[in-house]
Amino acid sequence: MLNQTLEFLFSERGEFLRDRIADELAKELDKAGYSLIQRVARALRLQAFEPDPLTASIGMTAQPGTSSWEQAVRILGILRDTKGLDVSTVAAVVPQLIAKPEARDIGRRVVSGVMQRAIARLIREFLVTEPITPIPALPPARLA
């Protein structure tokens, strides 16, 4: 079963899954890294790394123990309970996976995705300054 799954994943038909895996890994690594930076900044009391409304609204400030992490743990639990799939079987397949160009491509996509997200955040948080619009004063109240 493991070999069939891996054959499909690294076939032409599995390209969509490889793309999704790379995107999800990049997203989760970015979230975890940003969360770590925020915790360190809060510990050091740095104002530049306070959560902004945009990242807070999309869940970037969430702790690493969010549902994505729980989903990964559930998947690992299912794999652990699968008959015929043990650590030695997986360990025997890992060297073959590393040698595949598609696996290296997933790694490149993950790194690229994390870097794109980091650069976008850098631009958004440090280089884009929102113009401060003055609040119009209320007209004086009329006494009746």
Protein backbone atom coordinates (compact mmCIF):
# COMPACT_ATOMS: atom_id res chain seq x y z
CA MET A 1 0.00 0.00 0.00
CA LEU A 2 2.82 2.42 0.83
CA ASN A 3 4.51 1.82 -2.50
CA GLN A 4 1.27 2.36 -4.41
CA THR A 5 0.61 5.59 -2.56
CA LEU A 6 4.11 6.88 -3.23
CA GLU A 7 3.93 5.84 -6.88
CA PHE A 8 0.74 7.85 -7.27
CA LEU A 9 2.10 10.84 -5.33
CA PHE A 10 5.20 11.03 -7.54
CA SER A 11 3.39 10.32 -10.80
CA GLU A 12 2.04 12.95 -13.17
CA ARG A 13 -1.42 12.46 -11.68
CA GLY A 14 -0.08 13.23 -8.19
CA GLU A 15 1.23 16.67 -9.13
CA PHE A 16 -1.85 18.37 -7.65
CA LEU A 17 -1.26 16.60 -4.32
CA ARG A 18 2.42 17.55 -4.36
CA ASP A 19 1.45 21.17 -4.94
CA ARG A 20 -1.05 21.08 -2.07
CA ILE A 21 1.46 19.41 0.26
CA ALA A 22 4.11 22.03 -0.55
CA ASP A 23 1.63 24.90 -0.08
CA GLU A 24 0.33 23.56 3.23
CA LEU A 25 3.83 22.90 4.54
CA ALA A 26 4.90 26.43 3.59
CA LYS A 27 1.81 27.91 5.24
CA GLU A 28 2.27 25.96 8.47
CA LEU A 29 6.02 26.64 8.67
CA ASP A 30 5.32 30.34 8.09
CA LYS A 31 2.69 30.38 10.83
CA ALA A 32 4.95 28.59 13.28
CA GLY A 33 7.90 30.88 12.49
CA TYR A 34 5.83 34.04 12.74
CA SER A 35 4.31 32.86 16.02
CA LEU A 36 7.79 32.22 17.39
CA ILE A 37 8.98 35.68 16.33
CA GLN A 38 5.95 37.26 18.01
CA ARG A 39 6.56 35.38 21.26
CA VAL A 40 10.23 36.40 21.31
CA ALA A 41 9.31 40.00 20.48
CA ARG A 42 6.72 40.07 23.27
CA ALA A 43 9.27 38.64 25.68
CA LEU A 44 11.70 41.38 24.64
CA ARG A 45 8.87 43.94 24.52
CA LEU A 46 9.54 44.98 20.92
CA GLN A 47 6.72 47.09 19.47
CA ALA A 48 7.52 46.42 15.79
CA PHE A 49 6.31 42.84 16.05
CA GLU A 50 2.93 43.46 17.63
CA PRO A 51 0.20 41.56 15.79
CA ASP A 52 -1.48 43.64 13.14
CA PRO A 53 -5.21 43.36 12.43
CA LEU A 54 -4.68 41.68 9.03
CA THR A 55 -2.56 38.81 10.32
CA ALA A 56 -4.72 38.45 13.41
CA SER A 57 -7.84 38.16 11.27
CA ILE A 58 -6.39 35.33 9.18
CA GLY A 59 -5.11 33.41 12.17
CA MET A 60 -1.40 34.17 11.93
CA THR A 61 -1.15 34.82 15.65
CA ALA A 62 -2.50 31.42 16.61
CA GLN A 63 -0.40 29.13 18.72
CA PRO A 64 1.23 26.15 17.01
CA GLY A 65 -1.29 23.83 18.69
CA THR A 66 -4.05 24.81 16.29
CA SER A 67 -6.23 22.53 14.23
CA SER A 68 -3.60 22.05 11.50
CA TRP A 69 -1.21 20.59 14.03
CA GLU A 70 -3.96 18.40 15.43
CA GLN A 71 -4.77 17.19 11.91
CA ALA A 72 -1.14 16.24 11.35
CA VAL A 73 -1.10 14.31 14.63
CA ARG A 74 -4.30 12.50 13.61
CA ILE A 75 -2.80 11.56 10.25
CA LEU A 76 0.31 10.22 11.95
CA GLY A 77 -1.90 8.23 14.30
CA ILE A 78 -3.76 6.69 11.37
CA LEU A 79 -0.47 5.82 9.70
CA ARG A 80 0.84 4.29 12.92
CA ASP A 81 -2.27 2.10 13.21
CA THR A 82 -2.11 0.94 9.57
CA LYS A 83 -1.23 -2.74 9.29
CA GLY A 84 1.97 -3.42 7.39
CA LEU A 85 3.28 0.10 7.88
CA ASP A 86 5.98 0.40 10.48
CA VAL A 87 9.07 2.49 11.07
CA SER A 88 11.38 0.07 9.29
CA THR A 89 9.19 0.11 6.17
CA VAL A 90 9.16 3.88 6.09
CA ALA A 91 12.90 4.06 6.81
CA ALA A 92 13.59 1.78 3.86
CA VAL A 93 11.59 4.03 1.53
CA VAL A 94 13.01 7.40 2.66
CA PRO A 95 16.31 7.12 0.71
CA GLN A 96 14.34 6.36 -2.45
CA LEU A 97 12.12 9.37 -1.87
CA ILE A 98 15.01 11.73 -1.34
CA ALA A 99 16.51 10.68 -4.67
CA LYS A 100 13.35 11.58 -6.60
CA PRO A 101 13.43 14.94 -8.39
CA GLU A 102 9.78 15.49 -7.47
CA ALA A 103 10.64 15.29 -3.76
CA ARG A 104 13.38 17.89 -4.19
CA ASP A 105 10.88 20.02 -6.09
CA ILE A 106 8.50 19.86 -3.11
CA GLY A 107 11.33 21.10 -0.91
CA ARG A 108 12.05 23.98 -3.27
CA ARG A 109 8.36 24.91 -3.37
CA VAL A 110 8.14 24.89 0.42
CA VAL A 111 11.20 27.12 0.80
CA SER A 112 9.95 29.43 -1.95
CA GLY A 113 6.50 29.66 -0.33
CA VAL A 114 7.93 30.48 3.08
CA MET A 115 10.21 33.14 1.58
CA GLN A 116 7.37 34.71 -0.43
CA ARG A 117 5.22 34.92 2.67
CA ALA A 118 8.06 36.39 4.74
CA ILE A 119 8.84 39.02 2.10
CA ALA A 120 5.16 39.95 1.78
CA ARG A 121 4.93 40.31 5.56
CA LEU A 122 8.10 42.40 5.66
CA ILE A 123 6.69 44.75 3.04
CA ARG A 124 3.29 44.90 4.71
CA GLU A 125 4.56 45.50 8.24
CA PHE A 126 7.66 47.63 7.77
CA LEU A 127 7.58 49.33 4.40
CA VAL A 128 3.92 50.12 3.81
CA THR A 129 2.88 53.07 5.85
CA GLU A 130 -0.78 53.83 5.89
CA PRO A 131 -1.51 57.53 5.64
CA ILE A 132 -3.04 58.90 8.76
CA THR A 133 -6.28 60.58 7.82
CA PRO A 134 -7.34 63.33 10.17
CA ILE A 135 -10.69 62.86 11.79
CA PRO A 136 -12.95 65.73 10.77
CA ALA A 137 -13.98 67.90 13.64
CA LEU A 138 -17.62 67.99 14.55
CA PRO A 139 -19.41 71.27 13.93
CA PRO A 140 -20.07 73.29 17.04
CA ALA A 141 -23.30 72.43 18.75
CA ARG A 142 -26.11 74.91 18.36
CA LEU A 143 -27.96 75.94 21.40
CA ALA A 144 -31.67 75.97 20.78
